[in-house]
Amino acid sequence: MNRNQVLPQVELSADPKALSRIDFCAPQSYRGAGFLEISALPRLAEEASSIEPGDGFHWQIKTHFVDSPGSEPQQILELAVKGRIHLVCQSCLQDCGLDLAQESRFVMVATEAEADAFPMEDDQQEPLVASQHYDLLSLIEDEILLSLPLIPKHSEGACQPHASSFGAGGEAADALEKPQNPFNILKNMKKN
């Protein structure tokens, strides 16, 4: 690819079906933005505790080529997602609306071997294997899933911890949860 060559720029459709077959092998750059409802992202819909009007994610993508010493220019893909999802708060066990934002940067590589050889210490960008039918919709969903908190919670002081989740059910619950002292068991066995 000639350094002075002007590459065509393709505007991506916001339609989820169109995002599932993007040709990242073509010598062109891409740009696009849109909104995805939770229902368009089946794996994410499984995680949601409820789906409210307006829940979903705005996405924005752009690609460009950068010179790589000693080889062909590399295509860089930048993805930003921002939106809202409802999950179960692990403190109060009630519905909790969470606002999430994620920005990621990827380097398109030609083969799995190149992706495996990509330096792991480069935490600024990750390798993606380019194809003529790349599923960009799955990548967007993956990045949203990776941005979900491990333990979803309301903000500090916004909820009261659920009694059953912290053993505040009284002494009867404590008696059921505490194992019997093994020396007392042996002592009782000796008596019998």
N, C-alpha and C. Protein backbone atom coordinates (compact mmCIF):
# COMPACT_ATOMS: atom_id res chain seq x y z
N MET A 1 0.85 -1.17 0.00
CA MET A 1 0.00 0.00 0.00
C MET A 1 0.89 1.24 0.00
N ASN A 2 0.66 2.13 -0.89
CA ASN A 2 1.44 3.35 -1.03
C ASN A 2 1.10 4.31 0.10
N ARG A 3 2.10 4.92 0.67
CA ARG A 3 1.91 5.84 1.79
C ARG A 3 1.00 7.02 1.40
N ASN A 4 1.10 7.48 0.18
CA ASN A 4 0.32 8.63 -0.27
C ASN A 4 -1.04 8.25 -0.82
N GLN A 5 -1.32 6.95 -0.86
CA GLN A 5 -2.59 6.48 -1.40
C GLN A 5 -3.75 6.88 -0.47
N VAL A 6 -4.79 7.42 -1.05
CA VAL A 6 -5.96 7.80 -0.28
C VAL A 6 -6.93 6.62 -0.31
N LEU A 7 -7.25 6.12 0.86
CA LEU A 7 -8.14 4.96 0.96
C LEU A 7 -9.59 5.41 1.04
N PRO A 8 -10.48 4.67 0.42
CA PRO A 8 -11.89 5.01 0.56
C PRO A 8 -12.35 4.79 1.99
N GLN A 9 -13.27 5.63 2.42
CA GLN A 9 -13.82 5.47 3.77
C GLN A 9 -15.27 5.04 3.64
N VAL A 10 -15.61 3.95 4.29
CA VAL A 10 -16.95 3.38 4.21
C VAL A 10 -17.72 3.73 5.48
N GLU A 11 -18.93 4.23 5.29
CA GLU A 11 -19.81 4.54 6.42
C GLU A 11 -20.60 3.28 6.76
N LEU A 12 -20.46 2.81 7.99
CA LEU A 12 -21.15 1.59 8.43
C LEU A 12 -22.61 1.88 8.73
N SER A 13 -23.45 0.92 8.41
CA SER A 13 -24.88 1.01 8.72
C SER A 13 -25.08 0.76 10.21
N ALA A 14 -26.08 1.37 10.79
CA ALA A 14 -26.39 1.15 12.20
C ALA A 14 -27.26 -0.10 12.40
N ASP A 15 -27.68 -0.73 11.32
CA ASP A 15 -28.50 -1.93 11.39
C ASP A 15 -27.68 -3.09 11.96
N PRO A 16 -28.16 -3.74 13.04
CA PRO A 16 -27.39 -4.85 13.64
C PRO A 16 -27.05 -5.97 12.66
N LYS A 17 -27.94 -6.28 11.72
CA LYS A 17 -27.66 -7.34 10.76
C LYS A 17 -26.49 -6.97 9.85
N ALA A 18 -26.39 -5.70 9.50
CA ALA A 18 -25.30 -5.25 8.62
C ALA A 18 -23.95 -5.29 9.33
N LEU A 19 -23.96 -5.20 10.65
CA LEU A 19 -22.72 -5.20 11.42
C LEU A 19 -22.11 -6.59 11.55
N SER A 20 -22.83 -7.61 11.17
CA SER A 20 -22.32 -8.97 11.36
C SER A 20 -21.48 -9.47 10.19
N ARG A 21 -21.29 -8.66 9.15
CA ARG A 21 -20.47 -9.09 8.01
C ARG A 21 -19.70 -7.91 7.43
N ILE A 22 -18.62 -7.54 8.09
CA ILE A 22 -17.79 -6.42 7.65
C ILE A 22 -16.50 -6.98 7.04
N ASP A 23 -16.09 -6.44 5.90
CA ASP A 23 -14.88 -6.91 5.21
C ASP A 23 -13.68 -6.08 5.68
N PHE A 24 -12.97 -6.61 6.69
CA PHE A 24 -11.78 -5.92 7.18
C PHE A 24 -10.53 -6.28 6.38
N CYS A 25 -10.66 -7.11 5.35
CA CYS A 25 -9.52 -7.44 4.49
C CYS A 25 -9.40 -6.43 3.35
N ALA A 26 -10.44 -5.68 3.08
CA ALA A 26 -10.43 -4.70 2.00
C ALA A 26 -9.57 -3.50 2.38
N PRO A 27 -8.86 -2.90 1.42
CA PRO A 27 -8.03 -1.73 1.72
C PRO A 27 -8.89 -0.46 1.82
N GLN A 28 -9.63 -0.37 2.88
CA GLN A 28 -10.49 0.79 3.11
C GLN A 28 -10.64 0.99 4.61
N SER A 29 -11.02 2.19 4.97
CA SER A 29 -11.24 2.46 6.39
C SER A 29 -12.75 2.57 6.62
N TYR A 30 -13.13 2.39 7.88
CA TYR A 30 -14.55 2.39 8.24
C TYR A 30 -14.83 3.42 9.31
N ARG A 31 -16.07 3.88 9.31
CA ARG A 31 -16.53 4.83 10.32
C ARG A 31 -18.01 4.55 10.49
N GLY A 32 -18.48 4.64 11.73
CA GLY A 32 -19.89 4.44 11.96
C GLY A 32 -20.27 4.65 13.40
N ALA A 33 -21.57 4.82 13.62
CA ALA A 33 -22.10 5.01 14.97
C ALA A 33 -23.56 4.59 14.94
N GLY A 34 -24.06 4.25 16.11
CA GLY A 34 -25.45 3.86 16.20
C GLY A 34 -25.84 3.51 17.62
N PHE A 35 -27.05 2.99 17.77
CA PHE A 35 -27.57 2.58 19.07
C PHE A 35 -28.07 1.15 18.96
N LEU A 36 -27.69 0.32 19.89
CA LEU A 36 -28.14 -1.07 19.94
C LEU A 36 -28.99 -1.28 21.18
N GLU A 37 -30.20 -1.75 20.97
CA GLU A 37 -31.05 -2.10 22.11
C GLU A 37 -30.53 -3.40 22.70
N ILE A 38 -30.84 -3.62 23.97
CA ILE A 38 -30.40 -4.84 24.65
C ILE A 38 -30.91 -6.08 23.91
N SER A 39 -32.10 -6.02 23.36
CA SER A 39 -32.68 -7.18 22.68
C SER A 39 -31.88 -7.58 21.44
N ALA A 40 -31.08 -6.67 20.86
CA ALA A 40 -30.26 -6.99 19.69
C ALA A 40 -28.97 -7.70 20.08
N LEU A 41 -28.72 -7.81 21.39
CA LEU A 41 -27.50 -8.43 21.91
C LEU A 41 -27.90 -9.59 22.83
N PRO A 42 -28.11 -10.79 22.27
CA PRO A 42 -28.70 -11.89 23.05
C PRO A 42 -27.91 -12.31 24.29
N ARG A 43 -26.59 -12.33 24.23
CA ARG A 43 -25.81 -12.72 25.42
C ARG A 43 -25.93 -11.67 26.51
N LEU A 44 -26.00 -10.41 26.13
CA LEU A 44 -26.16 -9.33 27.10
C LEU A 44 -27.57 -9.35 27.68
N ALA A 45 -28.56 -9.68 26.86
CA ALA A 45 -29.95 -9.76 27.34
C ALA A 45 -30.10 -10.81 28.43
N GLU A 46 -29.32 -11.90 28.35
CA GLU A 46 -29.36 -12.93 29.39
C GLU A 46 -28.85 -12.40 30.72
N GLU A 47 -27.94 -11.45 30.71
CA GLU A 47 -27.37 -10.88 31.93
C GLU A 47 -28.29 -9.85 32.57
N ALA A 48 -29.13 -9.20 31.77
CA ALA A 48 -29.98 -8.11 32.27
C ALA A 48 -31.06 -8.64 33.19
N SER A 49 -31.28 -7.96 34.31
CA SER A 49 -32.34 -8.35 35.24
C SER A 49 -33.69 -7.85 34.74
N SER A 50 -33.70 -6.74 34.04
CA SER A 50 -34.90 -6.20 33.40
C SER A 50 -34.44 -5.29 32.27
N ILE A 51 -35.35 -5.03 31.36
CA ILE A 51 -35.04 -4.14 30.25
C ILE A 51 -36.03 -2.99 30.27
N GLU A 52 -35.51 -1.81 30.54
CA GLU A 52 -36.32 -0.60 30.64
C GLU A 52 -36.24 0.17 29.31
N PRO A 53 -37.22 1.04 29.05
CA PRO A 53 -37.12 1.88 27.85
C PRO A 53 -35.85 2.73 27.91
N GLY A 54 -35.13 2.78 26.83
CA GLY A 54 -33.89 3.55 26.79
C GLY A 54 -32.66 2.74 27.13
N ASP A 55 -32.83 1.50 27.65
CA ASP A 55 -31.67 0.65 27.92
C ASP A 55 -31.06 0.22 26.59
N GLY A 56 -29.75 0.24 26.54
CA GLY A 56 -29.03 -0.14 25.34
C GLY A 56 -27.72 0.60 25.29
N PHE A 57 -27.03 0.49 24.17
CA PHE A 57 -25.69 1.04 24.08
C PHE A 57 -25.47 1.79 22.76
N HIS A 58 -24.94 2.99 22.90
CA HIS A 58 -24.47 3.76 21.75
C HIS A 58 -23.08 3.24 21.43
N TRP A 59 -22.80 3.04 20.16
CA TRP A 59 -21.49 2.57 19.75
C TRP A 59 -20.94 3.51 18.69
N GLN A 60 -19.63 3.59 18.66
CA GLN A 60 -18.94 4.40 17.66
C GLN A 60 -17.67 3.66 17.28
N ILE A 61 -17.43 3.57 15.99
CA ILE A 61 -16.25 2.85 15.50
C ILE A 61 -15.57 3.66 14.42
N LYS A 62 -14.25 3.54 14.39
CA LYS A 62 -13.50 4.10 13.27
C LYS A 62 -12.23 3.27 13.11
N THR A 63 -11.82 3.13 11.86
CA THR A 63 -10.57 2.43 11.58
C THR A 63 -9.67 3.35 10.77
N HIS A 64 -8.39 3.09 10.88
CA HIS A 64 -7.40 3.81 10.09
C HIS A 64 -6.15 2.95 9.98
N PHE A 65 -5.29 3.29 9.05
CA PHE A 65 -4.06 2.55 8.84
C PHE A 65 -2.88 3.34 9.38
N VAL A 66 -1.95 2.63 10.01
CA VAL A 66 -0.71 3.25 10.49
C VAL A 66 0.46 2.50 9.88
N ASP A 67 1.53 3.23 9.60
CA ASP A 67 2.72 2.60 9.04
C ASP A 67 3.36 1.70 10.08
N SER A 68 3.80 0.56 9.62
CA SER A 68 4.47 -0.41 10.47
C SER A 68 5.84 -0.67 9.87
N PRO A 69 6.94 -0.37 10.60
CA PRO A 69 8.29 -0.53 10.04
C PRO A 69 8.53 -1.95 9.54
N GLY A 70 8.97 -2.06 8.30
CA GLY A 70 9.34 -3.35 7.74
C GLY A 70 8.19 -4.22 7.27
N SER A 71 6.98 -3.72 7.30
CA SER A 71 5.85 -4.53 6.84
C SER A 71 4.74 -3.63 6.31
N GLU A 72 3.66 -4.25 5.92
CA GLU A 72 2.50 -3.51 5.42
C GLU A 72 1.91 -2.65 6.55
N PRO A 73 1.27 -1.54 6.19
CA PRO A 73 0.60 -0.74 7.22
C PRO A 73 -0.46 -1.58 7.96
N GLN A 74 -0.61 -1.31 9.24
CA GLN A 74 -1.57 -2.04 10.06
C GLN A 74 -2.85 -1.25 10.20
N GLN A 75 -3.97 -1.98 10.14
CA GLN A 75 -5.27 -1.35 10.33
C GLN A 75 -5.58 -1.33 11.83
N ILE A 76 -5.94 -0.17 12.33
CA ILE A 76 -6.30 0.02 13.74
C ILE A 76 -7.79 0.25 13.81
N LEU A 77 -8.45 -0.44 14.73
CA LEU A 77 -9.88 -0.30 14.94
C LEU A 77 -10.09 0.29 16.33
N GLU A 78 -10.80 1.41 16.41
CA GLU A 78 -11.12 2.03 17.70
C GLU A 78 -12.62 1.93 17.91
N LEU A 79 -13.00 1.42 19.07
CA LEU A 79 -14.41 1.18 19.39
C LEU A 79 -14.74 1.83 20.72
N ALA A 80 -15.84 2.56 20.75
CA ALA A 80 -16.33 3.14 22.00
C ALA A 80 -17.79 2.74 22.17
N VAL A 81 -18.13 2.27 23.36
CA VAL A 81 -19.52 1.94 23.68
C VAL A 81 -19.89 2.64 24.98
N LYS A 82 -21.14 3.09 25.03
CA LYS A 82 -21.61 3.79 26.22
C LYS A 82 -23.11 3.55 26.31
N GLY A 83 -23.57 3.16 27.50
CA GLY A 83 -24.99 2.90 27.63
C GLY A 83 -25.41 2.49 29.02
N ARG A 84 -26.62 1.91 29.09
CA ARG A 84 -27.24 1.57 30.37
C ARG A 84 -27.82 0.17 30.31
N ILE A 85 -27.64 -0.57 31.41
CA ILE A 85 -28.20 -1.90 31.57
C ILE A 85 -28.65 -2.07 33.01
N HIS A 86 -29.67 -2.89 33.22
CA HIS A 86 -30.14 -3.19 34.57
C HIS A 86 -29.67 -4.58 34.97
N LEU A 87 -29.01 -4.65 36.13
CA LEU A 87 -28.53 -5.91 36.70
C LEU A 87 -29.03 -6.03 38.13
N VAL A 88 -28.89 -7.18 38.73
CA VAL A 88 -29.29 -7.39 40.12
C VAL A 88 -28.16 -6.90 41.02
N CYS A 89 -28.47 -5.97 41.92
CA CYS A 89 -27.51 -5.47 42.90
C CYS A 89 -27.18 -6.62 43.85
N GLN A 90 -25.91 -6.91 44.05
CA GLN A 90 -25.50 -8.02 44.89
C GLN A 90 -25.52 -7.67 46.37
N SER A 91 -25.89 -6.45 46.70
CA SER A 91 -26.03 -6.06 48.10
C SER A 91 -27.47 -6.18 48.56
N CYS A 92 -28.40 -5.57 47.82
CA CYS A 92 -29.81 -5.56 48.23
C CYS A 92 -30.66 -6.55 47.44
N LEU A 93 -30.10 -7.16 46.41
CA LEU A 93 -30.79 -8.12 45.53
C LEU A 93 -31.98 -7.50 44.79
N GLN A 94 -31.93 -6.21 44.56
CA GLN A 94 -32.95 -5.50 43.80
C GLN A 94 -32.36 -5.07 42.45
N ASP A 95 -33.25 -4.65 41.56
CA ASP A 95 -32.86 -4.17 40.25
C ASP A 95 -31.98 -2.92 40.39
N CYS A 96 -30.93 -2.85 39.59
CA CYS A 96 -29.98 -1.74 39.68
C CYS A 96 -29.60 -1.29 38.27
N GLY A 97 -29.88 -0.04 37.92
CA GLY A 97 -29.50 0.50 36.62
C GLY A 97 -28.05 0.96 36.65
N LEU A 98 -27.24 0.46 35.73
CA LEU A 98 -25.83 0.83 35.69
C LEU A 98 -25.49 1.50 34.36
N ASP A 99 -24.76 2.60 34.43
CA ASP A 99 -24.26 3.28 33.25
C ASP A 99 -22.83 2.80 33.01
N LEU A 100 -22.55 2.33 31.80
CA LEU A 100 -21.24 1.78 31.47
C LEU A 100 -20.65 2.51 30.28
N ALA A 101 -19.34 2.58 30.26
CA ALA A 101 -18.63 3.16 29.12
C ALA A 101 -17.33 2.38 28.94
N GLN A 102 -16.99 2.09 27.69
CA GLN A 102 -15.80 1.31 27.39
C GLN A 102 -15.19 1.82 26.09
N GLU A 103 -13.88 2.03 26.08
CA GLU A 103 -13.17 2.38 24.87
C GLU A 103 -12.08 1.35 24.65
N SER A 104 -11.99 0.82 23.43
CA SER A 104 -11.02 -0.23 23.12
C SER A 104 -10.32 0.09 21.80
N ARG A 105 -9.12 -0.45 21.68
CA ARG A 105 -8.32 -0.25 20.47
C ARG A 105 -7.76 -1.61 20.06
N PHE A 106 -7.89 -1.94 18.79
CA PHE A 106 -7.48 -3.23 18.27
C PHE A 106 -6.58 -3.06 17.05
N VAL A 107 -5.69 -4.02 16.84
CA VAL A 107 -4.86 -4.09 15.64
C VAL A 107 -5.36 -5.27 14.83
N MET A 108 -5.67 -5.04 13.57
CA MET A 108 -6.13 -6.12 12.71
C MET A 108 -4.90 -6.87 12.19
N VAL A 109 -4.90 -8.19 12.37
CA VAL A 109 -3.81 -9.04 11.88
C VAL A 109 -4.39 -10.05 10.90
N ALA A 110 -3.52 -10.67 10.09
CA ALA A 110 -3.99 -11.54 9.02
C ALA A 110 -4.30 -12.96 9.48
N THR A 111 -3.57 -13.47 10.48
CA THR A 111 -3.72 -14.88 10.86
C THR A 111 -3.79 -15.05 12.37
N GLU A 112 -4.25 -16.23 12.79
CA GLU A 112 -4.28 -16.59 14.21
C GLU A 112 -2.85 -16.61 14.77
N ALA A 113 -1.90 -17.07 13.96
CA ALA A 113 -0.50 -17.14 14.40
C ALA A 113 0.02 -15.73 14.73
N GLU A 114 -0.32 -14.75 13.91
CA GLU A 114 0.08 -13.37 14.19
C GLU A 114 -0.57 -12.87 15.47
N ALA A 115 -1.83 -13.23 15.70
CA ALA A 115 -2.52 -12.82 16.92
C ALA A 115 -1.87 -13.45 18.15
N ASP A 116 -1.49 -14.74 18.03
CA ASP A 116 -0.82 -15.43 19.14
C ASP A 116 0.54 -14.84 19.43
N ALA A 117 1.24 -14.35 18.39
CA ALA A 117 2.58 -13.79 18.55
C ALA A 117 2.55 -12.32 18.99
N PHE A 118 1.37 -11.73 19.04
CA PHE A 118 1.26 -10.31 19.41
C PHE A 118 1.75 -10.13 20.85
N PRO A 119 2.55 -9.10 21.12
CA PRO A 119 3.10 -8.92 22.47
C PRO A 119 2.00 -8.72 23.52
N MET A 120 2.04 -9.57 24.55
CA MET A 120 1.03 -9.50 25.61
C MET A 120 1.17 -8.25 26.46
N GLU A 121 2.39 -7.70 26.53
CA GLU A 121 2.60 -6.52 27.37
C GLU A 121 2.01 -5.25 26.77
N ASP A 122 1.56 -5.32 25.53
CA ASP A 122 0.92 -4.16 24.89
C ASP A 122 -0.54 -4.11 25.33
N ASP A 123 -0.78 -3.40 26.44
CA ASP A 123 -2.15 -3.33 26.97
C ASP A 123 -2.95 -2.19 26.36
N GLN A 124 -2.36 -1.47 25.42
CA GLN A 124 -3.08 -0.37 24.76
C GLN A 124 -3.96 -0.87 23.62
N GLN A 125 -3.61 -2.03 23.07
CA GLN A 125 -4.37 -2.57 21.94
C GLN A 125 -4.26 -4.08 21.92
N GLU A 126 -5.29 -4.70 21.37
CA GLU A 126 -5.35 -6.16 21.26
C GLU A 126 -5.41 -6.55 19.79
N PRO A 127 -4.94 -7.76 19.46
CA PRO A 127 -5.01 -8.20 18.07
C PRO A 127 -6.38 -8.80 17.75
N LEU A 128 -6.86 -8.56 16.53
CA LEU A 128 -8.05 -9.20 15.99
C LEU A 128 -7.70 -9.75 14.62
N VAL A 129 -8.14 -10.96 14.35
CA VAL A 129 -7.88 -11.55 13.04
C VAL A 129 -8.91 -11.02 12.05
N ALA A 130 -8.41 -10.33 11.03
CA ALA A 130 -9.29 -9.74 10.01
C ALA A 130 -9.87 -10.84 9.12
N SER A 131 -11.08 -10.61 8.67
CA SER A 131 -11.70 -11.54 7.72
C SER A 131 -12.62 -10.74 6.80
N GLN A 132 -13.08 -11.40 5.76
CA GLN A 132 -13.99 -10.73 4.83
C GLN A 132 -15.41 -10.68 5.37
N HIS A 133 -15.71 -11.47 6.38
CA HIS A 133 -17.05 -11.51 6.97
C HIS A 133 -16.95 -11.36 8.49
N TYR A 134 -16.26 -10.31 8.93
CA TYR A 134 -16.03 -10.11 10.37
C TYR A 134 -17.34 -9.72 11.07
N ASP A 135 -17.59 -10.34 12.22
CA ASP A 135 -18.80 -10.08 12.99
C ASP A 135 -18.54 -8.96 14.00
N LEU A 136 -18.73 -7.73 13.55
CA LEU A 136 -18.49 -6.56 14.39
C LEU A 136 -19.52 -6.47 15.52
N LEU A 137 -20.73 -6.95 15.27
CA LEU A 137 -21.77 -6.94 16.30
C LEU A 137 -21.33 -7.77 17.51
N SER A 138 -20.73 -8.93 17.27
CA SER A 138 -20.23 -9.76 18.37
C SER A 138 -19.11 -9.07 19.13
N LEU A 139 -18.25 -8.36 18.41
CA LEU A 139 -17.17 -7.63 19.08
C LEU A 139 -17.74 -6.56 20.00
N ILE A 140 -18.74 -5.83 19.53
CA ILE A 140 -19.38 -4.80 20.35
C ILE A 140 -19.98 -5.45 21.60
N GLU A 141 -20.68 -6.57 21.41
CA GLU A 141 -21.29 -7.26 22.55
C GLU A 141 -20.23 -7.78 23.52
N ASP A 142 -19.14 -8.32 22.98
CA ASP A 142 -18.04 -8.79 23.85
C ASP A 142 -17.50 -7.66 24.71
N GLU A 143 -17.28 -6.51 24.11
CA GLU A 143 -16.72 -5.38 24.86
C GLU A 143 -17.68 -4.89 25.94
N ILE A 144 -18.97 -4.92 25.67
CA ILE A 144 -19.95 -4.54 26.69
C ILE A 144 -19.92 -5.56 27.83
N LEU A 145 -19.91 -6.85 27.49
CA LEU A 145 -19.88 -7.89 28.51
C LEU A 145 -18.62 -7.78 29.37
N LEU A 146 -17.48 -7.46 28.75
CA LEU A 146 -16.25 -7.30 29.51
C LEU A 146 -16.27 -6.08 30.43
N SER A 147 -17.10 -5.10 30.11
CA SER A 147 -17.16 -3.90 30.94
C SER A 147 -18.13 -4.04 32.12
N LEU A 148 -18.92 -5.14 32.14
CA LEU A 148 -19.84 -5.35 33.25
C LEU A 148 -19.06 -5.55 34.55
N PRO A 149 -19.53 -4.98 35.65
CA PRO A 149 -18.82 -5.18 36.92
C PRO A 149 -18.97 -6.64 37.38
N LEU A 150 -17.93 -7.15 38.05
CA LEU A 150 -18.00 -8.51 38.58
C LEU A 150 -19.09 -8.63 39.64
N ILE A 151 -19.21 -7.59 40.47
CA ILE A 151 -20.23 -7.56 41.52
C ILE A 151 -21.03 -6.27 41.34
N PRO A 152 -22.16 -6.35 40.61
CA PRO A 152 -22.96 -5.13 40.41
C PRO A 152 -23.58 -4.66 41.73
N LYS A 153 -23.48 -3.38 41.98
CA LYS A 153 -24.04 -2.79 43.21
C LYS A 153 -24.55 -1.38 42.92
N HIS A 154 -25.53 -0.97 43.73
CA HIS A 154 -25.94 0.43 43.72
C HIS A 154 -24.77 1.27 44.23
N SER A 155 -24.82 2.56 43.99
CA SER A 155 -23.78 3.43 44.53
C SER A 155 -23.86 3.41 46.06
N GLU A 156 -22.77 3.75 46.71
CA GLU A 156 -22.65 3.71 48.17
C GLU A 156 -23.80 4.45 48.86
N GLY A 157 -24.50 3.76 49.75
CA GLY A 157 -25.58 4.36 50.51
C GLY A 157 -26.92 4.40 49.79
N ALA A 158 -27.01 3.90 48.58
CA ALA A 158 -28.25 3.96 47.81
C ALA A 158 -29.18 2.79 48.11
N CYS A 159 -28.69 1.76 48.81
CA CYS A 159 -29.54 0.62 49.12
C CYS A 159 -29.16 0.03 50.47
N GLN A 160 -30.04 -0.80 51.00
CA GLN A 160 -29.79 -1.50 52.26
C GLN A 160 -29.45 -2.95 51.95
N PRO A 161 -28.41 -3.50 52.57
CA PRO A 161 -28.06 -4.89 52.32
C PRO A 161 -29.23 -5.82 52.65
N HIS A 162 -29.43 -6.82 51.84
CA HIS A 162 -30.48 -7.81 52.03
C HIS A 162 -30.10 -8.69 53.22
N ALA A 163 -31.04 -8.96 54.13
CA ALA A 163 -30.75 -9.70 55.36
C ALA A 163 -30.21 -11.10 55.08
N SER A 164 -30.76 -11.81 54.12
CA SER A 164 -30.33 -13.19 53.88
C SER A 164 -28.93 -13.28 53.29
N SER A 165 -28.47 -12.21 52.66
CA SER A 165 -27.16 -12.28 52.03
C SER A 165 -26.03 -12.10 53.03
N PHE A 166 -26.32 -11.63 54.23
CA PHE A 166 -25.26 -11.41 55.22
C PHE A 166 -25.52 -12.13 56.53
N GLY A 167 -26.45 -13.08 56.58
CA GLY A 167 -26.68 -13.87 57.77
C GLY A 167 -27.29 -13.10 58.92
N ALA A 168 -28.06 -12.06 58.67
CA ALA A 168 -28.68 -11.27 59.72
C ALA A 168 -30.05 -11.82 60.06
N GLY A 169 -30.25 -13.11 59.89
CA GLY A 169 -31.56 -13.72 60.11
C GLY A 169 -31.79 -14.16 61.54
N GLY A 170 -30.91 -13.85 62.49
CA GLY A 170 -31.13 -14.20 63.89
C GLY A 170 -30.28 -15.39 64.31
N GLU A 171 -30.49 -15.78 65.59
CA GLU A 171 -29.69 -16.85 66.17
C GLU A 171 -30.01 -18.20 65.56
N ALA A 172 -31.26 -18.43 65.14
CA ALA A 172 -31.63 -19.72 64.55
C ALA A 172 -30.83 -19.97 63.27
N ALA A 173 -30.64 -18.94 62.49
CA ALA A 173 -29.85 -19.08 61.27
C ALA A 173 -28.39 -19.35 61.61
N ASP A 174 -27.88 -18.71 62.68
CA ASP A 174 -26.51 -18.94 63.11
C ASP A 174 -26.29 -20.37 63.56
N ALA A 175 -27.27 -20.93 64.27
CA ALA A 175 -27.15 -22.30 64.76
C ALA A 175 -27.09 -23.28 63.59
N LEU A 176 -27.83 -23.00 62.54
CA LEU A 176 -27.82 -23.89 61.38
C LEU A 176 -26.51 -23.78 60.61
N GLU A 177 -25.92 -22.59 60.58
CA GLU A 177 -24.73 -22.36 59.78
C GLU A 177 -23.44 -22.78 60.48
N LYS A 178 -23.38 -22.74 61.84
CA LYS A 178 -22.16 -23.05 62.57
C LYS A 178 -21.98 -24.56 62.64
N PRO A 179 -20.84 -25.06 62.21
CA PRO A 179 -20.60 -26.50 62.35
C PRO A 179 -20.33 -26.84 63.81
N GLN A 180 -20.64 -28.05 64.17
CA GLN A 180 -20.43 -28.50 65.54
C GLN A 180 -18.95 -28.74 65.76
N ASN A 181 -18.49 -28.42 66.96
CA ASN A 181 -17.09 -28.60 67.32
C ASN A 181 -16.74 -30.09 67.24
N PRO A 182 -15.69 -30.47 66.49
CA PRO A 182 -15.36 -31.90 66.35
C PRO A 182 -14.95 -32.56 67.66
N PHE A 183 -14.40 -31.79 68.62
CA PHE A 183 -14.03 -32.39 69.91
C PHE A 183 -15.25 -32.73 70.73
N ASN A 184 -16.32 -31.94 70.59
CA ASN A 184 -17.57 -32.27 71.28
C ASN A 184 -18.18 -33.54 70.70
N ILE A 185 -18.03 -33.73 69.38
CA ILE A 185 -18.55 -34.94 68.75
C ILE A 185 -17.80 -36.15 69.30
N LEU A 186 -16.46 -36.05 69.41
CA LEU A 186 -15.67 -37.16 69.95
C LEU A 186 -16.01 -37.43 71.41
N LYS A 187 -16.22 -36.40 72.17
CA LYS A 187 -16.56 -36.52 73.58
C LYS A 187 -17.90 -37.26 73.73
N ASN A 188 -18.87 -36.93 72.89
CA ASN A 188 -20.17 -37.58 72.93
C ASN A 188 -20.06 -39.03 72.49
N MET A 189 -19.19 -39.31 71.53
CA MET A 189 -19.01 -40.69 71.07
C MET A 189 -18.40 -41.54 72.19
N LYS A 190 -17.47 -40.97 72.96
CA LYS A 190 -16.82 -41.70 74.04
C LYS A 190 -17.80 -42.04 75.13
N LYS A 191 -18.75 -41.15 75.40
CA LYS A 191 -19.78 -41.40 76.42
C LYS A 191 -20.66 -42.58 76.03
N ASN A 192 -20.95 -42.69 74.74
CA ASN A 192 -21.83 -43.76 74.28
C ASN A 192 -21.04 -45.01 74.17
